N, C-alpha and C. Protein backbone atom coordinates (compact mmCIF):
# COMPACT_ATOMS: atom_id res chain seq x y z
N MET A 1 31.84 11.42 -83.62
CA MET A 1 30.90 12.48 -83.91
C MET A 1 30.39 13.04 -82.60
N SER A 2 30.35 14.35 -82.49
CA SER A 2 29.82 14.95 -81.27
C SER A 2 28.46 15.57 -81.55
N LEU A 3 27.67 15.63 -80.55
CA LEU A 3 26.33 16.21 -80.63
C LEU A 3 26.33 17.50 -79.82
N LEU A 4 26.04 18.60 -80.47
CA LEU A 4 25.97 19.88 -79.77
C LEU A 4 24.56 20.10 -79.28
N ILE A 5 24.43 20.39 -78.02
CA ILE A 5 23.12 20.62 -77.42
C ILE A 5 23.12 22.00 -76.80
N GLY A 6 22.19 22.83 -77.25
CA GLY A 6 22.08 24.18 -76.71
C GLY A 6 21.42 24.18 -75.36
N PRO A 7 21.38 25.31 -74.70
CA PRO A 7 20.82 25.40 -73.35
C PRO A 7 19.34 25.06 -73.29
N ASP A 8 18.56 25.38 -74.33
CA ASP A 8 17.14 25.03 -74.31
C ASP A 8 16.93 23.53 -74.28
N TYR A 9 17.80 22.80 -74.95
CA TYR A 9 17.62 21.36 -75.03
C TYR A 9 18.21 20.66 -73.82
N ALA A 10 19.25 21.25 -73.25
CA ALA A 10 19.85 20.66 -72.07
C ALA A 10 18.89 20.75 -70.88
N ALA A 11 18.02 21.76 -70.89
CA ALA A 11 17.06 21.94 -69.81
C ALA A 11 15.65 21.89 -70.37
N ALA A 12 15.39 20.87 -71.17
CA ALA A 12 14.11 20.79 -71.89
C ALA A 12 12.97 20.30 -71.03
N GLY A 13 13.20 19.99 -69.77
CA GLY A 13 12.15 19.47 -68.90
C GLY A 13 10.84 20.21 -69.02
N PHE A 14 9.96 19.99 -68.11
CA PHE A 14 8.65 20.62 -68.16
C PHE A 14 8.76 22.13 -68.12
N LYS A 15 7.93 22.77 -68.91
CA LYS A 15 7.85 24.24 -68.91
C LYS A 15 6.58 24.59 -68.15
N ASP A 16 6.76 25.21 -66.99
CA ASP A 16 5.66 25.38 -66.05
C ASP A 16 4.95 26.72 -66.09
N THR A 17 5.41 27.67 -66.89
CA THR A 17 4.78 28.99 -66.91
C THR A 17 4.91 29.60 -68.30
N PHE A 18 4.11 30.65 -68.52
CA PHE A 18 4.18 31.40 -69.77
C PHE A 18 5.56 32.00 -69.96
N SER A 19 6.17 32.51 -68.89
CA SER A 19 7.49 33.12 -69.03
C SER A 19 8.53 32.10 -69.49
N GLN A 20 8.43 30.86 -69.03
CA GLN A 20 9.35 29.83 -69.50
C GLN A 20 9.09 29.52 -70.98
N TRP A 21 7.82 29.53 -71.39
CA TRP A 21 7.46 29.31 -72.79
C TRP A 21 8.05 30.43 -73.65
N GLN A 22 7.88 31.67 -73.22
CA GLN A 22 8.38 32.81 -73.98
C GLN A 22 9.90 32.82 -74.09
N ALA A 23 10.57 32.28 -73.10
CA ALA A 23 12.03 32.29 -73.09
C ALA A 23 12.62 31.31 -74.10
N MET A 24 11.81 30.38 -74.59
CA MET A 24 12.29 29.41 -75.57
C MET A 24 12.29 30.04 -76.97
N ASP A 25 13.30 29.71 -77.78
CA ASP A 25 13.27 30.17 -79.16
C ASP A 25 12.25 29.33 -79.95
N ARG A 26 11.92 29.74 -81.16
CA ARG A 26 10.88 29.07 -81.94
C ARG A 26 11.20 27.59 -82.15
N TYR A 27 12.45 27.28 -82.44
CA TYR A 27 12.81 25.89 -82.69
C TYR A 27 12.61 25.04 -81.43
N ALA A 28 12.95 25.59 -80.30
CA ALA A 28 12.76 24.86 -79.04
C ALA A 28 11.26 24.68 -78.77
N GLN A 29 10.44 25.72 -79.06
CA GLN A 29 9.00 25.58 -78.90
C GLN A 29 8.46 24.49 -79.81
N TYR A 30 8.90 24.47 -81.08
CA TYR A 30 8.44 23.43 -82.02
C TYR A 30 8.81 22.04 -81.50
N SER A 31 10.03 21.90 -81.03
CA SER A 31 10.48 20.60 -80.52
C SER A 31 9.64 20.18 -79.31
N TYR A 32 9.35 21.13 -78.45
CA TYR A 32 8.54 20.85 -77.26
C TYR A 32 7.14 20.39 -77.67
N ILE A 33 6.54 21.10 -78.63
CA ILE A 33 5.20 20.75 -79.12
C ILE A 33 5.21 19.37 -79.76
N MET A 34 6.21 19.10 -80.57
CA MET A 34 6.27 17.79 -81.22
C MET A 34 6.41 16.67 -80.19
N GLY A 35 7.14 16.93 -79.12
CA GLY A 35 7.24 15.93 -78.06
C GLY A 35 5.90 15.67 -77.40
N MET A 36 5.16 16.74 -77.14
CA MET A 36 3.83 16.57 -76.53
C MET A 36 2.89 15.87 -77.50
N TYR A 37 2.92 16.28 -78.76
CA TYR A 37 2.05 15.66 -79.77
C TYR A 37 2.36 14.18 -79.91
N ASP A 38 3.63 13.86 -80.09
CA ASP A 38 4.02 12.45 -80.24
C ASP A 38 3.62 11.63 -79.04
N SER A 39 3.81 12.18 -77.86
CA SER A 39 3.45 11.47 -76.64
C SER A 39 1.95 11.21 -76.56
N GLU A 40 1.15 12.22 -76.94
CA GLU A 40 -0.30 12.10 -76.82
C GLU A 40 -0.93 11.34 -77.97
N ALA A 41 -0.49 11.59 -79.18
CA ALA A 41 -1.19 11.07 -80.36
C ALA A 41 -0.65 9.73 -80.86
N ASN A 42 0.59 9.42 -80.59
CA ASN A 42 1.18 8.25 -81.22
C ASN A 42 1.56 7.13 -80.27
N ASN A 43 1.38 7.31 -79.00
CA ASN A 43 1.86 6.32 -78.04
C ASN A 43 0.71 5.51 -77.44
N GLY A 44 0.02 4.77 -78.28
CA GLY A 44 -1.03 3.90 -77.76
C GLY A 44 -0.42 2.78 -76.94
N ALA A 45 -1.10 2.41 -75.91
CA ALA A 45 -0.60 1.35 -75.04
C ALA A 45 -1.60 0.20 -75.00
N THR A 46 -1.09 -0.99 -74.92
CA THR A 46 -1.96 -2.15 -74.78
C THR A 46 -2.79 -1.97 -73.52
N GLY A 47 -4.09 -2.09 -73.67
CA GLY A 47 -4.98 -1.99 -72.53
C GLY A 47 -5.32 -0.57 -72.12
N GLU A 48 -4.99 0.42 -72.97
CA GLU A 48 -5.33 1.78 -72.59
C GLU A 48 -6.85 1.93 -72.55
N GLU A 49 -7.32 2.86 -71.73
CA GLU A 49 -8.75 3.07 -71.58
C GLU A 49 -9.34 3.59 -72.89
N THR A 50 -10.60 3.28 -73.13
CA THR A 50 -11.27 3.64 -74.37
C THR A 50 -11.26 5.14 -74.61
N TRP A 51 -11.47 5.93 -73.57
CA TRP A 51 -11.49 7.38 -73.76
C TRP A 51 -10.13 7.91 -74.19
N VAL A 52 -9.07 7.27 -73.73
CA VAL A 52 -7.72 7.68 -74.12
C VAL A 52 -7.50 7.37 -75.60
N SER A 53 -7.93 6.19 -76.02
CA SER A 53 -7.79 5.81 -77.43
C SER A 53 -8.58 6.76 -78.33
N ALA A 54 -9.80 7.11 -77.92
CA ALA A 54 -10.63 8.01 -78.72
C ALA A 54 -9.98 9.39 -78.84
N ARG A 55 -9.43 9.89 -77.75
CA ARG A 55 -8.75 11.19 -77.79
C ARG A 55 -7.51 11.11 -78.65
N ARG A 56 -6.73 10.07 -78.47
CA ARG A 56 -5.47 9.92 -79.22
C ARG A 56 -5.74 9.84 -80.72
N THR A 57 -6.66 8.98 -81.13
CA THR A 57 -6.92 8.83 -82.56
C THR A 57 -7.61 10.08 -83.12
N GLY A 58 -8.44 10.73 -82.32
CA GLY A 58 -9.09 11.95 -82.76
C GLY A 58 -8.09 13.07 -83.01
N ILE A 59 -7.14 13.22 -82.12
CA ILE A 59 -6.13 14.27 -82.29
C ILE A 59 -5.25 13.97 -83.50
N ALA A 60 -4.85 12.72 -83.66
CA ALA A 60 -4.01 12.37 -84.81
C ALA A 60 -4.75 12.62 -86.12
N GLU A 61 -6.01 12.23 -86.20
CA GLU A 61 -6.80 12.46 -87.41
C GLU A 61 -7.00 13.95 -87.65
N CYS A 62 -7.31 14.68 -86.60
CA CYS A 62 -7.51 16.12 -86.69
C CYS A 62 -6.26 16.81 -87.21
N ALA A 63 -5.11 16.48 -86.65
CA ALA A 63 -3.87 17.11 -87.07
C ALA A 63 -3.60 16.85 -88.55
N GLN A 64 -3.90 15.65 -88.99
CA GLN A 64 -3.68 15.31 -90.40
C GLN A 64 -4.67 16.05 -91.30
N LYS A 65 -5.95 16.02 -90.94
CA LYS A 65 -6.98 16.67 -91.77
C LYS A 65 -6.79 18.18 -91.87
N LEU A 66 -6.42 18.81 -90.76
CA LEU A 66 -6.27 20.26 -90.74
C LEU A 66 -4.87 20.73 -91.14
N GLY A 67 -3.97 19.77 -91.31
CA GLY A 67 -2.59 20.13 -91.64
C GLY A 67 -1.90 20.90 -90.53
N LEU A 68 -2.22 20.54 -89.28
CA LEU A 68 -1.61 21.24 -88.14
C LEU A 68 -0.10 21.04 -88.16
N ASN A 69 0.60 22.08 -87.82
CA ASN A 69 2.05 21.99 -87.73
C ASN A 69 2.50 22.70 -86.45
N PRO A 70 3.75 22.51 -86.06
CA PRO A 70 4.21 23.12 -84.81
C PRO A 70 4.07 24.63 -84.78
N ASP A 71 4.23 25.30 -85.92
CA ASP A 71 4.10 26.75 -85.97
C ASP A 71 2.68 27.16 -85.59
N MET A 72 1.68 26.51 -86.13
CA MET A 72 0.29 26.83 -85.83
C MET A 72 -0.03 26.59 -84.36
N ILE A 73 0.42 25.45 -83.84
CA ILE A 73 0.12 25.09 -82.46
C ILE A 73 0.86 26.02 -81.50
N SER A 74 2.12 26.33 -81.82
CA SER A 74 2.89 27.27 -81.00
C SER A 74 2.20 28.62 -80.94
N ASP A 75 1.74 29.11 -82.08
CA ASP A 75 1.03 30.39 -82.10
C ASP A 75 -0.25 30.33 -81.28
N ALA A 76 -0.97 29.21 -81.35
CA ALA A 76 -2.22 29.07 -80.58
C ALA A 76 -1.94 29.06 -79.09
N ILE A 77 -0.87 28.41 -78.67
CA ILE A 77 -0.49 28.40 -77.26
C ILE A 77 -0.14 29.82 -76.80
N THR A 78 0.66 30.51 -77.59
CA THR A 78 1.04 31.88 -77.24
C THR A 78 -0.18 32.78 -77.17
N ARG A 79 -1.10 32.67 -78.14
CA ARG A 79 -2.32 33.48 -78.12
C ARG A 79 -3.16 33.19 -76.90
N HIS A 80 -3.23 31.91 -76.50
CA HIS A 80 -4.00 31.56 -75.30
C HIS A 80 -3.42 32.30 -74.09
N TYR A 81 -2.13 32.16 -73.90
CA TYR A 81 -1.48 32.84 -72.77
C TYR A 81 -1.69 34.35 -72.83
N GLN A 82 -1.54 34.95 -74.02
CA GLN A 82 -1.69 36.40 -74.14
C GLN A 82 -3.12 36.84 -73.87
N THR A 83 -4.09 36.03 -74.21
CA THR A 83 -5.49 36.37 -74.02
C THR A 83 -5.95 36.16 -72.59
N TYR A 84 -5.43 35.12 -71.93
CA TYR A 84 -5.90 34.74 -70.60
C TYR A 84 -4.74 34.82 -69.60
N GLN A 85 -4.49 36.03 -69.10
CA GLN A 85 -3.37 36.24 -68.18
C GLN A 85 -3.48 35.39 -66.92
N ARG A 86 -4.69 35.03 -66.53
CA ARG A 86 -4.84 34.19 -65.33
C ARG A 86 -4.18 32.83 -65.51
N ASP A 87 -3.95 32.43 -66.75
CA ASP A 87 -3.35 31.12 -67.03
C ASP A 87 -1.83 31.17 -67.14
N TRP A 88 -1.21 32.33 -66.93
CA TRP A 88 0.23 32.46 -67.07
C TRP A 88 1.01 31.50 -66.18
N GLY A 89 0.45 31.08 -65.07
CA GLY A 89 1.15 30.17 -64.16
C GLY A 89 0.92 28.71 -64.46
N LEU A 90 0.14 28.41 -65.50
CA LEU A 90 -0.13 27.01 -65.84
C LEU A 90 0.96 26.44 -66.75
N PRO A 91 1.25 25.15 -66.60
CA PRO A 91 2.25 24.52 -67.47
C PRO A 91 1.83 24.55 -68.94
N VAL A 92 2.81 24.60 -69.82
CA VAL A 92 2.56 24.60 -71.25
C VAL A 92 1.75 23.36 -71.65
N ALA A 93 2.02 22.23 -71.04
CA ALA A 93 1.30 21.00 -71.39
C ALA A 93 -0.20 21.14 -71.15
N VAL A 94 -0.60 21.87 -70.13
CA VAL A 94 -2.01 22.08 -69.83
C VAL A 94 -2.64 22.96 -70.91
N VAL A 95 -1.94 24.03 -71.30
CA VAL A 95 -2.46 24.92 -72.34
C VAL A 95 -2.50 24.18 -73.68
N TYR A 96 -1.47 23.40 -73.98
CA TYR A 96 -1.45 22.59 -75.21
C TYR A 96 -2.67 21.68 -75.27
N THR A 97 -2.97 21.00 -74.17
CA THR A 97 -4.11 20.09 -74.12
C THR A 97 -5.41 20.83 -74.38
N GLN A 98 -5.57 22.00 -73.79
CA GLN A 98 -6.77 22.82 -73.99
C GLN A 98 -6.89 23.26 -75.45
N VAL A 99 -5.80 23.74 -76.02
CA VAL A 99 -5.81 24.21 -77.41
C VAL A 99 -6.18 23.06 -78.35
N MET A 100 -5.57 21.90 -78.16
CA MET A 100 -5.85 20.77 -79.05
C MET A 100 -7.29 20.29 -78.89
N LEU A 101 -7.81 20.33 -77.68
CA LEU A 101 -9.21 19.94 -77.46
C LEU A 101 -10.14 20.90 -78.19
N GLU A 102 -9.87 22.19 -78.09
CA GLU A 102 -10.72 23.18 -78.75
C GLU A 102 -10.70 23.00 -80.27
N VAL A 103 -9.52 22.78 -80.83
CA VAL A 103 -9.38 22.66 -82.28
C VAL A 103 -9.97 21.34 -82.79
N CYS A 104 -9.81 20.28 -82.02
CA CYS A 104 -10.13 18.94 -82.51
C CYS A 104 -11.38 18.32 -81.90
N ILE A 105 -12.18 19.08 -81.17
CA ILE A 105 -13.29 18.52 -80.41
C ILE A 105 -14.26 17.71 -81.27
N ASP A 106 -14.58 18.17 -82.48
CA ASP A 106 -15.54 17.45 -83.31
C ASP A 106 -15.03 16.08 -83.71
N ILE A 107 -13.78 15.99 -84.09
CA ILE A 107 -13.21 14.70 -84.49
C ILE A 107 -13.03 13.80 -83.28
N ILE A 108 -12.59 14.36 -82.17
CA ILE A 108 -12.48 13.56 -80.94
C ILE A 108 -13.85 12.99 -80.57
N ASN A 109 -14.87 13.82 -80.64
CA ASN A 109 -16.22 13.36 -80.27
C ASN A 109 -16.75 12.31 -81.23
N ARG A 110 -16.37 12.38 -82.49
CA ARG A 110 -16.77 11.31 -83.42
C ARG A 110 -16.17 9.98 -82.99
N HIS A 111 -14.91 10.00 -82.59
CA HIS A 111 -14.26 8.77 -82.11
C HIS A 111 -14.85 8.33 -80.78
N ARG A 112 -15.24 9.27 -79.93
CA ARG A 112 -15.89 8.92 -78.66
C ARG A 112 -17.24 8.26 -78.94
N ALA A 113 -18.00 8.79 -79.89
CA ALA A 113 -19.30 8.20 -80.24
C ALA A 113 -19.13 6.79 -80.78
N GLU A 114 -18.12 6.58 -81.61
CA GLU A 114 -17.84 5.24 -82.14
C GLU A 114 -17.51 4.26 -81.02
N ALA A 115 -17.00 4.76 -79.92
CA ALA A 115 -16.65 3.92 -78.76
C ALA A 115 -17.77 3.92 -77.72
N ASN A 116 -18.95 4.44 -78.10
CA ASN A 116 -20.10 4.52 -77.19
C ASN A 116 -19.81 5.34 -75.93
N LEU A 117 -19.07 6.42 -76.12
CA LEU A 117 -18.76 7.34 -75.02
C LEU A 117 -19.52 8.64 -75.25
N PRO A 118 -19.90 9.34 -74.19
CA PRO A 118 -20.59 10.63 -74.36
C PRO A 118 -19.64 11.69 -74.92
N ALA A 119 -20.22 12.67 -75.57
CA ALA A 119 -19.43 13.75 -76.15
C ALA A 119 -18.82 14.62 -75.05
N TRP A 120 -17.67 15.19 -75.36
CA TRP A 120 -17.04 16.17 -74.51
C TRP A 120 -17.44 17.55 -74.99
N THR A 121 -17.28 18.53 -74.12
CA THR A 121 -17.51 19.93 -74.48
C THR A 121 -16.20 20.67 -74.33
N ALA A 122 -15.84 21.42 -75.37
CA ALA A 122 -14.67 22.29 -75.28
C ALA A 122 -15.17 23.61 -74.70
N HIS A 123 -14.68 23.97 -73.52
CA HIS A 123 -15.19 25.13 -72.81
C HIS A 123 -14.59 26.44 -73.31
N GLY A 124 -13.40 26.40 -73.87
CA GLY A 124 -12.77 27.63 -74.30
C GLY A 124 -12.50 28.56 -73.14
N GLY A 125 -11.88 29.68 -73.42
CA GLY A 125 -11.63 30.65 -72.37
C GLY A 125 -10.49 30.27 -71.45
N SER A 126 -10.43 30.94 -70.34
CA SER A 126 -9.39 30.73 -69.34
C SER A 126 -9.55 29.36 -68.68
N ILE A 127 -8.47 28.65 -68.60
CA ILE A 127 -8.49 27.32 -67.95
C ILE A 127 -8.72 27.50 -66.46
N MET A 128 -8.06 28.49 -65.86
CA MET A 128 -8.22 28.73 -64.42
C MET A 128 -9.68 29.08 -64.09
N GLU A 129 -10.29 29.95 -64.87
CA GLU A 129 -11.68 30.32 -64.61
C GLU A 129 -12.60 29.12 -64.79
N SER A 130 -12.33 28.29 -65.77
CA SER A 130 -13.14 27.08 -65.99
C SER A 130 -13.01 26.14 -64.79
N MET A 131 -11.80 26.01 -64.25
CA MET A 131 -11.60 25.14 -63.09
C MET A 131 -12.34 25.69 -61.87
N GLU A 132 -12.32 27.00 -61.71
CA GLU A 132 -13.01 27.61 -60.56
C GLU A 132 -14.53 27.44 -60.66
N ARG A 133 -15.07 27.49 -61.87
CA ARG A 133 -16.51 27.31 -62.05
C ARG A 133 -16.94 25.89 -61.71
N ARG A 134 -16.05 24.93 -61.86
CA ARG A 134 -16.38 23.54 -61.59
C ARG A 134 -16.38 23.21 -60.09
N LYS A 135 -15.81 24.08 -59.28
CA LYS A 135 -15.74 23.83 -57.83
C LYS A 135 -17.10 23.91 -57.19
């Protein structure tokens, strides 16, 4: 049996810009999102830090409760890039993390509170502008 792999999958490495994200077809975007989701939400490690566990379980619960799917997340990533042109040079993984934090902040914070951790704030907006304000 042979496995056919298209060009998107043969070069599936990190996608570092909006233009690389746009160049992927929908199926490749879905696969990329599922890889990021699986890596973040399902890969608990023995001895992982408490804040990582709270984020991981919060995102998994959020995705289940809201019925998030790759189509919804892909559209949210694309909308973020289209709205905040300053972020066009940021990797897709960074935008994905921001989008998931914004959508799931309440559930993540509930898990953080259960672990006696302070709440996080989802800042929204441009990631680059948020980083510059923190300097």
